[in-house]
C-alpha atoms as a PDB file:
ATOM      1  CA  MET A   1      77.747  77.233 -90.575  1.00  0.00           C
ATOM      2  CA  GLU A   2      77.664  74.065 -88.525  1.00  0.00           C
ATOM      3  CA  THR A   3      75.908  71.005 -89.936  1.00  0.00           C
ATOM      4  CA  ARG A   4      73.065  69.306 -88.113  1.00  0.00           C
ATOM      5  CA  ARG A   5      75.090  66.115 -87.922  1.00  0.00           C
ATOM      6  CA  ARG A   6      77.912  67.930 -86.113  1.00  0.00           C
ATOM      7  CA  SER A   7      75.448  69.570 -83.701  1.00  0.00           C
ATOM      8  CA  VAL A   8      73.894  66.199 -82.860  1.00  0.00           C
ATOM      9  CA  LEU A   9      77.277  64.495 -82.396  1.00  0.00           C
ATOM     10  CA  LYS A  10      78.445  67.267 -80.063  1.00  0.00           C
ATOM     11  CA  ALA A  11      75.209  66.946 -78.098  1.00  0.00           C
ATOM     12  CA  VAL A  12      75.541  63.166 -77.779  1.00  0.00           C
ATOM     13  CA  ILE A  13      79.147  63.358 -76.549  1.00  0.00           C
ATOM     14  CA  TRP A  14      78.268  66.107 -74.076  1.00  0.00           C
ATOM     15  CA  ASN A  15      75.319  64.104 -72.772  1.00  0.00           C
ATOM     16  CA  VAL A  16      77.326  60.903 -72.325  1.00  0.00           C
ATOM     17  CA  MET A  17      79.668  62.847 -70.054  1.00  0.00           C
ATOM     18  CA  GLY A  18      76.684  64.395 -68.248  1.00  0.00           C
ATOM     19  CA  LEU A  19      75.017  60.998 -67.913  1.00  0.00           C
ATOM     20  CA  ALA A  20      78.037  59.604 -66.088  1.00  0.00           C
ATOM     21  CA  MET A  21      78.221  62.586 -63.735  1.00  0.00           C
ATOM     22  CA  MET A  22      74.480  62.600 -63.044  1.00  0.00           C
ATOM     23  CA  ALA A  23      74.507  58.857 -62.305  1.00  0.00           C
ATOM     24  CA  LEU A  24      77.297  59.429 -59.795  1.00  0.00           C
ATOM     25  CA  VAL A  25      75.464  62.356 -58.178  1.00  0.00           C
ATOM     26  CA  GLY A  26      72.235  60.311 -58.099  1.00  0.00           C
ATOM     27  CA  LEU A  27      74.048  57.403 -56.475  1.00  0.00           C
ATOM     28  CA  ILE A  28      75.574  59.665 -53.841  1.00  0.00           C
ATOM     29  CA  ALA A  29      72.272  61.475 -53.194  1.00  0.00           C
ATOM     30  CA  THR A  30      70.030  58.413 -53.034  1.00  0.00           C
ATOM     31  CA  GLY A  31      72.357  55.531 -52.216  1.00  0.00           C
ATOM     32  CA  SER A  32      70.714  53.593 -55.049  1.00  0.00           C
ATOM     33  CA  MET A  33      72.398  52.954 -58.382  1.00  0.00           C
ATOM     34  CA  ALA A  34      69.028  52.069 -59.958  1.00  0.00           C
ATOM     35  CA  LEU A  35      67.371  55.326 -58.875  1.00  0.00           C
ATOM     36  CA  GLY A  36      70.487  57.345 -59.664  1.00  0.00           C
ATOM     37  CA  GLY A  37      70.618  55.746 -63.109  1.00  0.00           C
ATOM     38  CA  LYS A  38      66.965  56.532 -63.798  1.00  0.00           C
ATOM     39  CA  MET A  39      67.509  60.143 -62.788  1.00  0.00           C
ATOM     40  CA  ALA A  40      70.551  60.306 -65.064  1.00  0.00           C
ATOM     41  CA  LEU A  41      68.677  58.860 -68.061  1.00  0.00           C
ATOM     42  CA  ILE A  42      65.797  61.290 -67.691  1.00  0.00           C
ATOM     43  CA  ASN A  43      68.211  64.195 -67.334  1.00  0.00           C
ATOM     44  CA  ALA A  44      70.257  63.055 -70.352  1.00  0.00           C
ATOM     45  CA  GLY A  45      67.169  62.721 -72.569  1.00  0.00           C
ATOM     46  CA  LEU A  46      65.893  66.158 -71.678  1.00  0.00           C
ATOM     47  CA  GLY A  47      69.346  67.706 -71.870  1.00  0.00           C
ATOM     48  CA  LEU A  48      70.088  66.190 -75.285  1.00  0.00           C
ATOM     49  CA  SER A  49      66.832  67.445 -76.730  1.00  0.00           C
ATOM     50  CA  MET A  50      67.265  70.941 -75.380  1.00  0.00           C
ATOM     51  CA  TYR A  51      70.930  71.148 -76.414  1.00  0.00           C
ATOM     52  CA  VAL A  52      70.178  70.211 -80.036  1.00  0.00           C
ATOM     53  CA  VAL A  53      67.444  72.860 -80.225  1.00  0.00           C
ATOM     54  CA  TYR A  54      69.750  75.426 -78.598  1.00  0.00           C
ATOM     55  CA  GLU A  55      72.619  74.659 -81.011  1.00  0.00           C
ATOM     56  CA  ARG A  56      70.364  74.863 -84.074  1.00  0.00           C
ATOM     57  CA  ILE A  57      68.980  78.220 -82.979  1.00  0.00           C
ATOM     58  CA  TRP A  58      72.487  79.617 -82.492  1.00  0.00           C
ATOM     59  CA  ALA A  59      73.638  78.133 -85.814  1.00  0.00           C
ATOM     60  CA  GLY A  60      71.147  80.426 -87.535  1.00  0.00           C
ATOM     61  CA  ILE A  61      72.171  83.600 -85.701  1.00  0.00           C
ATOM     62  CA  GLN A  62      74.743  85.687 -87.523  1.00  0.00           C
ATOM     63  CA  TRP A  63      75.552  88.042 -84.644  1.00  0.00           C
ATOM     64  CA  GLY A  64      79.121  87.798 -83.352  1.00  0.00           C
ATOM     65  CA  ARG A  65      80.531  85.774 -86.238  1.00  0.00           C
ATOM     66  CA  ALA A  66      83.685  86.826 -88.021  1.00  0.00           C
ATOM     67  CA  ARG A  67      83.328  86.982 -91.762  1.00  0.00           C
ATOM     68  CA  GLY A  68      86.078  85.323 -93.696  1.00  0.00           C
END
């Protein structure tokens, strides 16, 4: 089973990558780095929260796991 610490670290790394991409998309879409950055921060906060919950739910599901 995966630890909570590992789940959170994976979520943070994933969201840092998403934050960079969303800031770039926001910049391209709006022409404003400030607005693009705000959009990226909001998206990253929501995404991080949802990803941690998602990972913890799946960590408790036994279906599809190989027993060793």
